[in-house]
Amino acid sequence: MAKVDPRFERGLVLGKFYPLSKGHQYLIETARRQCRVLYVAIGSRADETIPPQIRASWIREIYPDVKAVVQPNTLPYVPEECASPREFYAIWTKALQEVCDGRSPDALFSSEDYGPITAEYLGCEHVMVDRQRAAVPISATKVRANPFACWEFLDPVVRRYFTKTVCVIGPESTGKSTLCEKLARHFNTTWQPEWAREYLGERHCEFPDMEIIARGHFGEHEKYKAAADKILFMDTDAITTMVYSQHYYNRVPEYVRLMADRIQEFVDLYLFTDIDVPWVPDTSRDLGEPCLREKLKADLLRELERRGLPYVMIRGNWEERFARAVSAIENRFLKSGD
């Protein structure tokens, strides 16, 4: 955004941005238009669930020219935590001057009642921006309560944080890829295919492929997540790779184990496709014997349960499986807004 004849040399915006909404962006963009240099101070408390470093990264990605600085969560939150309001504002004046490279800004931009008195202690002008939230009718409290209901008020950079990943997992020939594709179409979003299929082609995997597959699959995860709308469907994961590596080679690459143990960082819900459908052979499948299907099912379930990962069993004919999957996703994510 071009800055034409800014009123101030140095401006400051103060907030928690918990999370960053279009309302916060309206404030930041208003300040950017009026300042040659803009600082954003990000306050936080120890009990907040979105780390302030992540909030700062959103601001830096959207506004590379803005100097976003995270404030220590040891700073007092309200005047009542200090011996007097004067002490409270003296502490914050010093902290905010440090954000602004050691001196007070020329203007403090805010949408809050604390803005004028904070500016007075800083010795700068206060600019009130959309105090009544008329320009952008949203609050961070509403977003935290139900991010999906407030989706239009979130920048795509922020949406990535709230996007849920649903991984479809199960033994061979249980309809994982087909289910992913149908669910993505139903929920108007994207799905991440099994990376190994394109990588291997028609050949069977070998042990060195296991780590390559895990790295390739998760190397693409953020790309697919950025393109998703609220929910990303993912075909298989590192737990699958680990179980198959153990089955075929009786050993597992360390990287694959590491990713399997970190899987809760990437996946919010599993849909486990049961073996109550016929096994259909193709060039990449060789585990069609009932005893092998049972073993792979047990191995996969054991790994999910050992890690305490949430999953829903998907059984029945193809129509029933799809309906059960849709219901599980709606109940977990879209009705409650979790």
C-alpha atoms as a PDB file:
ATOM      1  CA  MET A   1       0.000   0.000   0.000  1.00  0.00           C
ATOM      2  CA  ALA A   2       1.428   3.350  -1.021  1.00  0.00           C
ATOM      3  CA  LYS A   3       1.919   5.922   1.694  1.00  0.00           C
ATOM      4  CA  VAL A   4       1.204   9.462   0.482  1.00  0.00           C
ATOM      5  CA  ASP A   5       2.209  12.436   2.651  1.00  0.00           C
ATOM      6  CA  PRO A   6       1.971  10.644   6.017  1.00  0.00           C
ATOM      7  CA  ARG A   7       1.075  12.806   9.003  1.00  0.00           C
ATOM      8  CA  PHE A   8       3.555  11.125  11.333  1.00  0.00           C
ATOM      9  CA  GLU A   9       7.107   9.870  11.109  1.00  0.00           C
ATOM     10  CA  ARG A  10       6.654   7.039  13.617  1.00  0.00           C
ATOM     11  CA  GLY A  11       3.410   5.367  14.636  1.00  0.00           C
ATOM     12  CA  LEU A  12       2.499   2.647  17.101  1.00  0.00           C
ATOM     13  CA  VAL A  13      -0.332   0.128  17.279  1.00  0.00           C
ATOM     14  CA  LEU A  14      -0.814  -1.864  20.472  1.00  0.00           C
ATOM     15  CA  GLY A  15      -2.918  -5.022  20.835  1.00  0.00           C
ATOM     16  CA  LYS A  16      -3.075  -8.725  21.485  1.00  0.00           C
ATOM     17  CA  PHE A  17      -4.318  -9.709  18.004  1.00  0.00           C
ATOM     18  CA  TYR A  18      -5.695 -12.849  19.608  1.00  0.00           C
ATOM     19  CA  PRO A  19      -6.289 -13.705  16.822  1.00  0.00           C
ATOM     20  CA  LEU A  20      -5.569 -11.171  14.099  1.00  0.00           C
ATOM     21  CA  SER A  21      -8.860 -10.220  12.426  1.00  0.00           C
ATOM     22  CA  LYS A  22      -9.873  -7.910   9.607  1.00  0.00           C
ATOM     23  CA  GLY A  23     -10.761  -5.411  12.342  1.00  0.00           C
ATOM     24  CA  HIS A  24      -7.153  -5.385  13.524  1.00  0.00           C
ATOM     25  CA  GLN A  25      -6.034  -5.107   9.920  1.00  0.00           C
ATOM     26  CA  TYR A  26      -8.249  -2.075   9.413  1.00  0.00           C
ATOM     27  CA  LEU A  27      -6.498  -0.472  12.385  1.00  0.00           C
ATOM     28  CA  ILE A  28      -3.023  -1.400  11.145  1.00  0.00           C
ATOM     29  CA  GLU A  29      -3.734  -0.254   7.590  1.00  0.00           C
ATOM     30  CA  THR A  30      -5.162   3.056   8.807  1.00  0.00           C
ATOM     31  CA  ALA A  31      -1.978   3.627  10.802  1.00  0.00           C
ATOM     32  CA  ARG A  32       0.279   2.587   7.912  1.00  0.00           C
ATOM     33  CA  ARG A  33      -1.279   5.201   5.653  1.00  0.00           C
ATOM     34  CA  GLN A  34      -0.497   7.926   8.179  1.00  0.00           C
ATOM     35  CA  CYS A  35       3.061   6.937   9.226  1.00  0.00           C
ATOM     36  CA  ARG A  36       6.392   6.548   7.535  1.00  0.00           C
ATOM     37  CA  VAL A  37       7.370   3.835  10.043  1.00  0.00           C
ATOM     38  CA  LEU A  38       4.850   1.720  11.945  1.00  0.00           C
ATOM     39  CA  TYR A  39       5.546  -0.391  15.006  1.00  0.00           C
ATOM     40  CA  VAL A  40       3.117  -3.014  16.293  1.00  0.00           C
ATOM     41  CA  ALA A  41       3.434  -4.120  19.931  1.00  0.00           C
ATOM     42  CA  ILE A  42       1.898  -7.552  20.601  1.00  0.00           C
ATOM     43  CA  GLY A  43       0.817  -8.141  24.171  1.00  0.00           C
ATOM     44  CA  SER A  44       0.096 -11.571  25.593  1.00  0.00           C
ATOM     45  CA  ARG A  45      -0.683 -13.572  28.695  1.00  0.00           C
ATOM     46  CA  ALA A  46       0.783 -16.923  29.671  1.00  0.00           C
ATOM     47  CA  ASP A  47      -2.608 -18.688  29.540  1.00  0.00           C
ATOM     48  CA  GLU A  48      -3.427 -17.764  25.932  1.00  0.00           C
ATOM     49  CA  THR A  49      -3.639 -20.645  23.478  1.00  0.00           C
ATOM     50  CA  ILE A  50      -2.245 -18.918  20.367  1.00  0.00           C
ATOM     51  CA  PRO A  51       1.442 -18.122  20.955  1.00  0.00           C
ATOM     52  CA  PRO A  52       2.272 -14.428  20.455  1.00  0.00           C
ATOM     53  CA  GLN A  53       5.132 -15.412  18.137  1.00  0.00           C
ATOM     54  CA  ILE A  54       2.554 -16.880  15.751  1.00  0.00           C
ATOM     55  CA  ARG A  55       0.467 -13.701  15.934  1.00  0.00           C
ATOM     56  CA  ALA A  56       3.595 -11.672  15.163  1.00  0.00           C
ATOM     57  CA  SER A  57       4.367 -13.930  12.199  1.00  0.00           C
ATOM     58  CA  TRP A  58       0.917 -13.240  10.742  1.00  0.00           C
ATOM     59  CA  ILE A  59       1.488  -9.488  10.896  1.00  0.00           C
ATOM     60  CA  ARG A  60       4.981  -9.757   9.420  1.00  0.00           C
ATOM     61  CA  GLU A  61       3.771 -11.948   6.557  1.00  0.00           C
ATOM     62  CA  ILE A  62       0.854  -9.696   5.667  1.00  0.00           C
ATOM     63  CA  TYR A  63       2.737  -6.412   6.281  1.00  0.00           C
ATOM     64  CA  PRO A  64       6.470  -6.937   5.681  1.00  0.00           C
ATOM     65  CA  ASP A  65       7.191  -3.224   6.209  1.00  0.00           C
ATOM     66  CA  VAL A  66       5.690  -3.188   9.724  1.00  0.00           C
ATOM     67  CA  LYS A  67       7.961  -3.763  12.729  1.00  0.00           C
ATOM     68  CA  ALA A  68       6.037  -6.272  14.869  1.00  0.00           C
ATOM     69  CA  VAL A  69       7.458  -6.870  18.351  1.00  0.00           C
ATOM     70  CA  VAL A  70       6.229  -9.370  20.965  1.00  0.00           C
ATOM     71  CA  GLN A  71       5.949  -7.966  24.475  1.00  0.00           C
ATOM     72  CA  PRO A  72       6.948 -10.075  27.507  1.00  0.00           C
ATOM     73  CA  ASN A  73       3.937 -11.767  29.102  1.00  0.00           C
ATOM     74  CA  THR A  74       5.313 -10.696  32.494  1.00  0.00           C
ATOM     75  CA  LEU A  75       4.098  -7.129  31.954  1.00  0.00           C
ATOM     76  CA  PRO A  76       1.070  -6.186  34.096  1.00  0.00           C
ATOM     77  CA  TYR A  77      -2.198  -6.706  32.258  1.00  0.00           C
ATOM     78  CA  VAL A  78      -4.434  -4.179  34.058  1.00  0.00           C
ATOM     79  CA  PRO A  79      -3.681  -1.242  36.396  1.00  0.00           C
ATOM     80  CA  GLU A  80      -5.047  -3.203  39.345  1.00  0.00           C
ATOM     81  CA  GLU A  81      -2.013  -5.476  39.162  1.00  0.00           C
ATOM     82  CA  CYS A  82       0.215  -2.536  40.179  1.00  0.00           C
ATOM     83  CA  ALA A  83       0.414  -0.348  43.244  1.00  0.00           C
ATOM     84  CA  SER A  84      -1.097   2.550  41.287  1.00  0.00           C
ATOM     85  CA  PRO A  85      -2.200   3.444  37.743  1.00  0.00           C
ATOM     86  CA  ARG A  86       0.835   5.684  37.507  1.00  0.00           C
ATOM     87  CA  GLU A  87       3.134   2.699  38.115  1.00  0.00           C
ATOM     88  CA  PHE A  88       1.209   0.631  35.559  1.00  0.00           C
ATOM     89  CA  TYR A  89       1.514   3.232  32.820  1.00  0.00           C
ATOM     90  CA  ALA A  90       5.137   3.960  33.679  1.00  0.00           C
ATOM     91  CA  ILE A  91       5.967   0.267  33.109  1.00  0.00           C
ATOM     92  CA  TRP A  92       4.094   0.201  29.812  1.00  0.00           C
ATOM     93  CA  THR A  93       5.544   3.516  28.652  1.00  0.00           C
ATOM     94  CA  LYS A  94       9.043   2.131  29.030  1.00  0.00           C
ATOM     95  CA  ALA A  95       8.113  -1.146  27.308  1.00  0.00           C
ATOM     96  CA  LEU A  96       6.456   0.611  24.363  1.00  0.00           C
ATOM     97  CA  GLN A  97       9.354   3.011  23.931  1.00  0.00           C
ATOM     98  CA  GLU A  98      11.638  -0.027  23.666  1.00  0.00           C
ATOM     99  CA  VAL A  99       9.393  -1.356  20.898  1.00  0.00           C
ATOM    100  CA  CYS A 100       9.842   1.949  19.066  1.00  0.00           C
ATOM    101  CA  ASP A 101      13.647   1.729  19.110  1.00  0.00           C
ATOM    102  CA  GLY A 102      14.048   3.541  22.404  1.00  0.00           C
ATOM    103  CA  ARG A 103      11.803   6.566  22.106  1.00  0.00           C
ATOM    104  CA  SER A 104       8.141   7.484  22.013  1.00  0.00           C
ATOM    105  CA  PRO A 105       6.219   7.365  18.745  1.00  0.00           C
ATOM    106  CA  ASP A 106       4.617  10.437  17.229  1.00  0.00           C
ATOM    107  CA  ALA A 107       1.191   8.822  17.337  1.00  0.00           C
ATOM    108  CA  LEU A 108      -0.567   5.886  18.987  1.00  0.00           C
ATOM    109  CA  PHE A 109      -3.394   4.355  16.954  1.00  0.00           C
ATOM    110  CA  SER A 110      -6.018   2.348  18.807  1.00  0.00           C
ATOM    111  CA  SER A 111      -9.669   1.349  18.896  1.00  0.00           C
ATOM    112  CA  GLU A 112      -9.806   1.113  22.684  1.00  0.00           C
ATOM    113  CA  ASP A 113     -10.651   3.401  25.589  1.00  0.00           C
ATOM    114  CA  TYR A 114      -7.167   2.973  27.023  1.00  0.00           C
ATOM    115  CA  GLY A 115      -5.674   4.649  23.956  1.00  0.00           C
ATOM    116  CA  PRO A 116      -5.868   8.325  25.006  1.00  0.00           C
ATOM    117  CA  ILE A 117      -4.315   7.854  28.458  1.00  0.00           C
ATOM    118  CA  THR A 118      -1.596   5.579  27.062  1.00  0.00           C
ATOM    119  CA  ALA A 119      -0.746   8.213  24.444  1.00  0.00           C
ATOM    120  CA  GLU A 120      -0.662  10.862  27.168  1.00  0.00           C
ATOM    121  CA  TYR A 121       1.963   8.903  29.120  1.00  0.00           C
ATOM    122  CA  LEU A 122       3.908   8.311  25.913  1.00  0.00           C
ATOM    123  CA  GLY A 123       3.778  12.011  25.132  1.00  0.00           C
ATOM    124  CA  CYS A 124       2.321  11.494  21.683  1.00  0.00           C
ATOM    125  CA  GLU A 125      -0.899  12.105  19.771  1.00  0.00           C
ATOM    126  CA  HIS A 126      -3.708   9.563  19.968  1.00  0.00           C
ATOM    127  CA  VAL A 127      -5.691   8.570  16.876  1.00  0.00           C
ATOM    128  CA  MET A 128      -8.917   6.674  17.592  1.00  0.00           C
ATOM    129  CA  VAL A 129      -9.851   4.251  14.812  1.00  0.00           C
ATOM    130  CA  ASP A 130     -13.336   2.717  14.483  1.00  0.00           C
ATOM    131  CA  ARG A 131     -14.063   2.592  18.228  1.00  0.00           C
ATOM    132  CA  GLN A 132     -17.616   1.334  17.605  1.00  0.00           C
ATOM    133  CA  ARG A 133     -16.445  -1.396  15.196  1.00  0.00           C
ATOM    134  CA  ALA A 134     -18.685   0.087  12.512  1.00  0.00           C
ATOM    135  CA  ALA A 135     -16.222  -0.273   9.629  1.00  0.00           C
ATOM    136  CA  VAL A 136     -15.405  -3.908  10.442  1.00  0.00           C
ATOM    137  CA  PRO A 137     -17.998  -5.461  12.784  1.00  0.00           C
ATOM    138  CA  ILE A 138     -15.934  -8.193  14.400  1.00  0.00           C
ATOM    139  CA  SER A 139     -14.157  -8.882  17.677  1.00  0.00           C
ATOM    140  CA  ALA A 140     -11.386 -11.294  18.589  1.00  0.00           C
ATOM    141  CA  THR A 141     -13.686 -12.793  21.228  1.00  0.00           C
ATOM    142  CA  LYS A 142     -16.172 -13.813  18.522  1.00  0.00           C
ATOM    143  CA  VAL A 143     -13.411 -15.272  16.379  1.00  0.00           C
ATOM    144  CA  ARG A 144     -12.036 -17.342  19.264  1.00  0.00           C
ATOM    145  CA  ALA A 145     -15.529 -18.642  20.052  1.00  0.00           C
ATOM    146  CA  ASN A 146     -16.134 -19.857  16.500  1.00  0.00           C
ATOM    147  CA  PRO A 147     -13.427 -19.190  13.882  1.00  0.00           C
ATOM    148  CA  PHE A 148     -15.357 -20.873  11.062  1.00  0.00           C
ATOM    149  CA  ALA A 149     -18.387 -18.627  11.656  1.00  0.00           C
ATOM    150  CA  CYS A 150     -16.074 -15.603  11.333  1.00  0.00           C
ATOM    151  CA  TRP A 151     -14.137 -16.901   8.323  1.00  0.00           C
ATOM    152  CA  GLU A 152     -14.843 -13.821   6.191  1.00  0.00           C
ATOM    153  CA  PHE A 153     -13.133 -11.661   8.831  1.00  0.00           C
ATOM    154  CA  LEU A 154      -9.854 -13.602   8.705  1.00  0.00           C
ATOM    155  CA  ASP A 155      -6.993 -13.121   6.271  1.00  0.00           C
ATOM    156  CA  PRO A 156      -5.930 -16.289   4.391  1.00  0.00           C
ATOM    157  CA  VAL A 157      -2.659 -16.180   6.353  1.00  0.00           C
ATOM    158  CA  VAL A 158      -4.632 -16.485   9.598  1.00  0.00           C
ATOM    159  CA  ARG A 159      -7.088 -19.013   8.198  1.00  0.00           C
ATOM    160  CA  ARG A 160      -4.250 -21.506   7.783  1.00  0.00           C
ATOM    161  CA  TYR A 161      -3.851 -21.618  11.560  1.00  0.00           C
ATOM    162  CA  PHE A 162      -7.503 -22.521  12.108  1.00  0.00           C
ATOM    163  CA  THR A 163      -7.859 -24.917   9.170  1.00  0.00           C
ATOM    164  CA  LYS A 164      -8.447 -28.471  10.362  1.00  0.00           C
ATOM    165  CA  THR A 165      -6.726 -31.502   8.847  1.00  0.00           C
ATOM    166  CA  VAL A 166      -8.758 -34.702   8.597  1.00  0.00           C
ATOM    167  CA  CYS A 167      -6.608 -37.691   7.718  1.00  0.00           C
ATOM    168  CA  VAL A 168      -8.139 -40.779   6.109  1.00  0.00           C
ATOM    169  CA  ILE A 169      -6.236 -43.855   7.198  1.00  0.00           C
ATOM    170  CA  GLY A 170      -6.719 -47.600   6.851  1.00  0.00           C
ATOM    171  CA  PRO A 171      -5.412 -50.797   5.237  1.00  0.00           C
ATOM    172  CA  GLU A 172      -5.118 -51.292   1.486  1.00  0.00           C
ATOM    173  CA  SER A 173      -8.147 -51.052  -0.787  1.00  0.00           C
ATOM    174  CA  THR A 174     -10.572 -49.520   1.706  1.00  0.00           C
ATOM    175  CA  GLY A 175     -11.487 -46.468  -0.359  1.00  0.00           C
ATOM    176  CA  LYS A 176      -9.251 -43.870   1.263  1.00  0.00           C
ATOM    177  CA  SER A 177      -8.437 -41.839  -1.845  1.00  0.00           C
ATOM    178  CA  THR A 178     -11.991 -41.977  -3.165  1.00  0.00           C
ATOM    179  CA  LEU A 179     -13.373 -40.886   0.208  1.00  0.00           C
ATOM    180  CA  CYS A 180     -10.911 -37.975   0.418  1.00  0.00           C
ATOM    181  CA  GLU A 181     -11.874 -36.779  -3.034  1.00  0.00           C
ATOM    182  CA  LYS A 182     -15.623 -37.037  -2.351  1.00  0.00           C
ATOM    183  CA  LEU A 183     -15.341 -35.265   0.997  1.00  0.00           C
ATOM    184  CA  ALA A 184     -13.288 -32.446  -0.481  1.00  0.00           C
ATOM    185  CA  ARG A 185     -15.877 -31.970  -3.187  1.00  0.00           C
ATOM    186  CA  HIS A 186     -18.736 -32.098  -0.660  1.00  0.00           C
ATOM    187  CA  PHE A 187     -17.150 -29.511   1.653  1.00  0.00           C
ATOM    188  CA  ASN A 188     -15.865 -27.378  -1.241  1.00  0.00           C
ATOM    189  CA  THR A 189     -12.237 -27.652  -0.193  1.00  0.00           C
ATOM    190  CA  THR A 190      -9.022 -29.430  -1.161  1.00  0.00           C
ATOM    191  CA  TRP A 191      -7.463 -32.789  -0.374  1.00  0.00           C
ATOM    192  CA  GLN A 192      -3.869 -33.944  -0.212  1.00  0.00           C
ATOM    193  CA  PRO A 193      -3.248 -37.153  -2.200  1.00  0.00           C
ATOM    194  CA  GLU A 194      -1.021 -39.971  -1.013  1.00  0.00           C
ATOM    195  CA  TRP A 195       2.430 -38.789  -2.063  1.00  0.00           C
ATOM    196  CA  ALA A 196       3.778 -42.325  -2.457  1.00  0.00           C
ATOM    197  CA  ARG A 197       1.467 -43.208  -5.346  1.00  0.00           C
ATOM    198  CA  GLU A 198       2.879 -40.654  -7.750  1.00  0.00           C
ATOM    199  CA  TYR A 199       6.420 -41.152  -6.461  1.00  0.00           C
ATOM    200  CA  LEU A 200       6.434 -44.949  -6.801  1.00  0.00           C
ATOM    201  CA  GLY A 201       4.352 -45.280  -9.929  1.00  0.00           C
ATOM    202  CA  GLU A 202       3.874 -48.990 -10.640  1.00  0.00           C
ATOM    203  CA  ARG A 203       6.926 -50.258  -8.783  1.00  0.00           C
ATOM    204  CA  HIS A 204       6.881 -51.625  -5.254  1.00  0.00           C
ATOM    205  CA  CYS A 205       8.522 -49.578  -2.516  1.00  0.00           C
ATOM    206  CA  GLU A 206      11.923 -50.368  -1.035  1.00  0.00           C
ATOM    207  CA  PHE A 207      13.223 -49.494   2.408  1.00  0.00           C
ATOM    208  CA  PRO A 208      15.040 -46.262   1.366  1.00  0.00           C
ATOM    209  CA  ASP A 209      11.726 -45.061  -0.087  1.00  0.00           C
ATOM    210  CA  MET A 210      10.113 -44.919   3.357  1.00  0.00           C
ATOM    211  CA  GLU A 211      11.878 -41.763   4.490  1.00  0.00           C
ATOM    212  CA  ILE A 212      11.574 -40.168   1.052  1.00  0.00           C
ATOM    213  CA  ILE A 213       7.822 -40.767   1.121  1.00  0.00           C
ATOM    214  CA  ALA A 214       7.392 -39.291   4.611  1.00  0.00           C
ATOM    215  CA  ARG A 215       9.454 -36.222   3.750  1.00  0.00           C
ATOM    216  CA  GLY A 216       7.685 -35.708   0.437  1.00  0.00           C
ATOM    217  CA  HIS A 217       4.227 -36.063   1.950  1.00  0.00           C
ATOM    218  CA  PHE A 218       4.726 -33.613   4.798  1.00  0.00           C
ATOM    219  CA  GLY A 219       6.805 -31.281   2.688  1.00  0.00           C
ATOM    220  CA  GLU A 220       3.629 -30.548   0.725  1.00  0.00           C
ATOM    221  CA  HIS A 221       1.245 -30.336   3.676  1.00  0.00           C
ATOM    222  CA  GLU A 222       1.362 -26.569   4.173  1.00  0.00           C
ATOM    223  CA  LYS A 223       0.811 -25.961   0.469  1.00  0.00           C
ATOM    224  CA  TYR A 224      -2.393 -27.973   0.498  1.00  0.00           C
ATOM    225  CA  LYS A 225      -3.491 -26.480   3.815  1.00  0.00           C
ATOM    226  CA  ALA A 226      -3.087 -22.952   2.455  1.00  0.00           C
ATOM    227  CA  ALA A 227      -5.423 -23.837  -0.418  1.00  0.00           C
ATOM    228  CA  ALA A 228      -8.077 -25.442   1.809  1.00  0.00           C
ATOM    229  CA  ASP A 229     -11.323 -23.870   2.982  1.00  0.00           C
ATOM    230  CA  LYS A 230     -11.713 -24.650   6.699  1.00  0.00           C
ATOM    231  CA  ILE A 231     -10.900 -28.368   6.315  1.00  0.00           C
ATOM    232  CA  LEU A 232      -8.098 -30.184   4.503  1.00  0.00           C
ATOM    233  CA  PHE A 233      -8.544 -33.885   3.790  1.00  0.00           C
ATOM    234  CA  MET A 234      -5.319 -35.885   3.738  1.00  0.00           C
ATOM    235  CA  ASP A 235      -4.828 -39.374   2.312  1.00  0.00           C
ATOM    236  CA  THR A 236      -2.572 -41.358   4.741  1.00  0.00           C
ATOM    237  CA  ASP A 237       0.211 -40.054   6.969  1.00  0.00           C
ATOM    238  CA  ALA A 238       3.504 -40.939   8.661  1.00  0.00           C
ATOM    239  CA  ILE A 239       1.832 -43.524  10.909  1.00  0.00           C
ATOM    240  CA  THR A 240       0.815 -45.414   7.784  1.00  0.00           C
ATOM    241  CA  THR A 241       4.353 -45.203   6.416  1.00  0.00           C
ATOM    242  CA  MET A 242       5.766 -46.410   9.730  1.00  0.00           C
ATOM    243  CA  VAL A 243       3.411 -49.397   9.964  1.00  0.00           C
ATOM    244  CA  TYR A 244       4.093 -50.473   6.388  1.00  0.00           C
ATOM    245  CA  SER A 245       7.852 -50.049   6.852  1.00  0.00           C
ATOM    246  CA  GLN A 246       7.713 -52.276   9.919  1.00  0.00           C
ATOM    247  CA  HIS A 247       5.594 -54.826   8.082  1.00  0.00           C
ATOM    248  CA  TYR A 248       7.758 -55.075   4.968  1.00  0.00           C
ATOM    249  CA  TYR A 249      11.260 -54.498   6.358  1.00  0.00           C
ATOM    250  CA  ASN A 250      10.980 -55.034  10.126  1.00  0.00           C
ATOM    251  CA  ARG A 251      12.555 -51.605  10.679  1.00  0.00           C
ATOM    252  CA  VAL A 252      11.563 -47.955  10.428  1.00  0.00           C
ATOM    253  CA  PRO A 253      13.666 -44.904   9.472  1.00  0.00           C
ATOM    254  CA  GLU A 254      14.200 -42.536  12.394  1.00  0.00           C
ATOM    255  CA  TYR A 255      12.641 -39.620  10.519  1.00  0.00           C
ATOM    256  CA  VAL A 256       9.460 -41.607   9.918  1.00  0.00           C
ATOM    257  CA  ARG A 257       9.207 -42.446  13.626  1.00  0.00           C
ATOM    258  CA  LEU A 258       9.766 -38.798  14.494  1.00  0.00           C
ATOM    259  CA  MET A 259       6.984 -37.620  12.189  1.00  0.00           C
ATOM    260  CA  ALA A 260       4.638 -40.309  13.484  1.00  0.00           C
ATOM    261  CA  ASP A 261       5.287 -39.133  17.037  1.00  0.00           C
ATOM    262  CA  ARG A 262       4.639 -35.500  16.022  1.00  0.00           C
ATOM    263  CA  ILE A 263       1.501 -36.279  14.049  1.00  0.00           C
ATOM    264  CA  GLN A 264      -0.816 -34.483  16.494  1.00  0.00           C
ATOM    265  CA  GLU A 265       0.786 -31.250  15.267  1.00  0.00           C
ATOM    266  CA  PHE A 266      -0.630 -31.896  11.792  1.00  0.00           C
ATOM    267  CA  VAL A 267      -3.835 -33.924  12.139  1.00  0.00           C
ATOM    268  CA  ASP A 268      -7.012 -32.958  14.021  1.00  0.00           C
ATOM    269  CA  LEU A 269      -9.140 -36.038  13.280  1.00  0.00           C
ATOM    270  CA  TYR A 270      -8.715 -39.461  11.713  1.00  0.00           C
ATOM    271  CA  LEU A 271     -11.266 -41.306   9.629  1.00  0.00           C
ATOM    272  CA  PHE A 272     -10.347 -44.997   9.778  1.00  0.00           C
ATOM    273  CA  THR A 273     -11.640 -46.955   6.773  1.00  0.00           C
ATOM    274  CA  ASP A 274     -12.512 -50.483   7.878  1.00  0.00           C
ATOM    275  CA  ILE A 275     -11.870 -53.683   5.919  1.00  0.00           C
ATOM    276  CA  ASP A 276     -15.549 -54.575   5.417  1.00  0.00           C
ATOM    277  CA  VAL A 277     -15.280 -53.871   1.675  1.00  0.00           C
ATOM    278  CA  PRO A 278     -13.750 -56.139  -0.987  1.00  0.00           C
ATOM    279  CA  TRP A 279     -10.027 -55.931  -1.657  1.00  0.00           C
ATOM    280  CA  VAL A 280      -9.333 -54.833  -5.248  1.00  0.00           C
ATOM    281  CA  PRO A 281      -5.849 -55.610  -6.604  1.00  0.00           C
ATOM    282  CA  ASP A 282      -3.651 -53.155  -8.434  1.00  0.00           C
ATOM    283  CA  THR A 283       0.083 -52.865  -9.138  1.00  0.00           C
ATOM    284  CA  SER A 284       0.834 -51.325  -5.730  1.00  0.00           C
ATOM    285  CA  ARG A 285      -1.193 -53.730  -3.543  1.00  0.00           C
ATOM    286  CA  ASP A 286      -0.173 -57.129  -2.227  1.00  0.00           C
ATOM    287  CA  LEU A 287      -1.891 -57.377   1.171  1.00  0.00           C
ATOM    288  CA  GLY A 288      -5.266 -58.764   0.130  1.00  0.00           C
ATOM    289  CA  GLU A 289      -5.290 -61.881   2.299  1.00  0.00           C
ATOM    290  CA  PRO A 290      -7.862 -61.519   5.112  1.00  0.00           C
ATOM    291  CA  CYS A 291      -5.264 -62.243   7.776  1.00  0.00           C
ATOM    292  CA  LEU A 292      -2.978 -59.517   6.401  1.00  0.00           C
ATOM    293  CA  ARG A 293      -5.808 -56.996   6.240  1.00  0.00           C
ATOM    294  CA  GLU A 294      -6.695 -57.788   9.846  1.00  0.00           C
ATOM    295  CA  LYS A 295      -3.082 -57.418  10.920  1.00  0.00           C
ATOM    296  CA  LEU A 296      -2.630 -54.056   9.185  1.00  0.00           C
ATOM    297  CA  LYS A 297      -5.891 -52.830  10.682  1.00  0.00           C
ATOM    298  CA  ALA A 298      -4.789 -53.861  14.171  1.00  0.00           C
ATOM    299  CA  ASP A 299      -1.337 -52.317  13.738  1.00  0.00           C
ATOM    300  CA  LEU A 300      -2.722 -49.000  12.535  1.00  0.00           C
ATOM    301  CA  LEU A 301      -5.353 -48.816  15.269  1.00  0.00           C
ATOM    302  CA  ARG A 302      -2.781 -49.652  17.916  1.00  0.00           C
ATOM    303  CA  GLU A 303      -0.612 -46.720  16.818  1.00  0.00           C
ATOM    304  CA  LEU A 304      -3.560 -44.312  16.854  1.00  0.00           C
ATOM    305  CA  GLU A 305      -4.710 -45.462  20.276  1.00  0.00           C
ATOM    306  CA  ARG A 306      -1.205 -45.512  21.748  1.00  0.00           C
ATOM    307  CA  ARG A 307      -0.904 -41.806  20.898  1.00  0.00           C
ATOM    308  CA  GLY A 308      -4.424 -40.954  22.034  1.00  0.00           C
ATOM    309  CA  LEU A 309      -5.367 -39.658  18.588  1.00  0.00           C
ATOM    310  CA  PRO A 310      -9.070 -39.049  17.852  1.00  0.00           C
ATOM    311  CA  TYR A 311     -10.565 -41.278  15.174  1.00  0.00           C
ATOM    312  CA  VAL A 312     -13.921 -42.397  13.798  1.00  0.00           C
ATOM    313  CA  MET A 313     -14.423 -45.837  12.271  1.00  0.00           C
ATOM    314  CA  ILE A 314     -15.864 -45.695   8.756  1.00  0.00           C
ATOM    315  CA  ARG A 315     -17.813 -48.876   7.939  1.00  0.00           C
ATOM    316  CA  GLY A 316     -20.596 -50.108   5.668  1.00  0.00           C
ATOM    317  CA  ASN A 317     -21.215 -49.809   1.953  1.00  0.00           C
ATOM    318  CA  TRP A 318     -19.785 -46.899   0.020  1.00  0.00           C
ATOM    319  CA  GLU A 319     -22.821 -44.656   0.562  1.00  0.00           C
ATOM    320  CA  GLU A 320     -22.913 -45.428   4.290  1.00  0.00           C
ATOM    321  CA  ARG A 321     -19.200 -44.754   4.648  1.00  0.00           C
ATOM    322  CA  PHE A 322     -19.509 -41.369   2.997  1.00  0.00           C
ATOM    323  CA  ALA A 323     -22.523 -40.398   5.115  1.00  0.00           C
ATOM    324  CA  ARG A 324     -20.770 -41.436   8.321  1.00  0.00           C
ATOM    325  CA  ALA A 325     -17.670 -39.443   7.393  1.00  0.00           C
ATOM    326  CA  VAL A 326     -19.702 -36.309   6.607  1.00  0.00           C
ATOM    327  CA  SER A 327     -21.576 -36.620   9.887  1.00  0.00           C
ATOM    328  CA  ALA A 328     -18.352 -37.055  11.882  1.00  0.00           C
ATOM    329  CA  ILE A 329     -16.821 -33.919  10.362  1.00  0.00           C
ATOM    330  CA  GLU A 330     -19.941 -31.794  10.779  1.00  0.00           C
ATOM    331  CA  ASN A 331     -20.404 -32.860  14.404  1.00  0.00           C
ATOM    332  CA  ARG A 332     -16.790 -32.303  15.375  1.00  0.00           C
ATOM    333  CA  PHE A 333     -15.949 -29.101  13.520  1.00  0.00           C
ATOM    334  CA  LEU A 334     -18.825 -27.344  11.811  1.00  0.00           C
ATOM    335  CA  LYS A 335     -21.575 -27.463  14.446  1.00  0.00           C
ATOM    336  CA  SER A 336     -19.516 -26.685  17.530  1.00  0.00           C
ATOM    337  CA  GLY A 337     -17.018 -24.391  15.794  1.00  0.00           C
ATOM    338  CA  ASP A 338     -14.079 -26.081  17.578  1.00  0.00           C
END
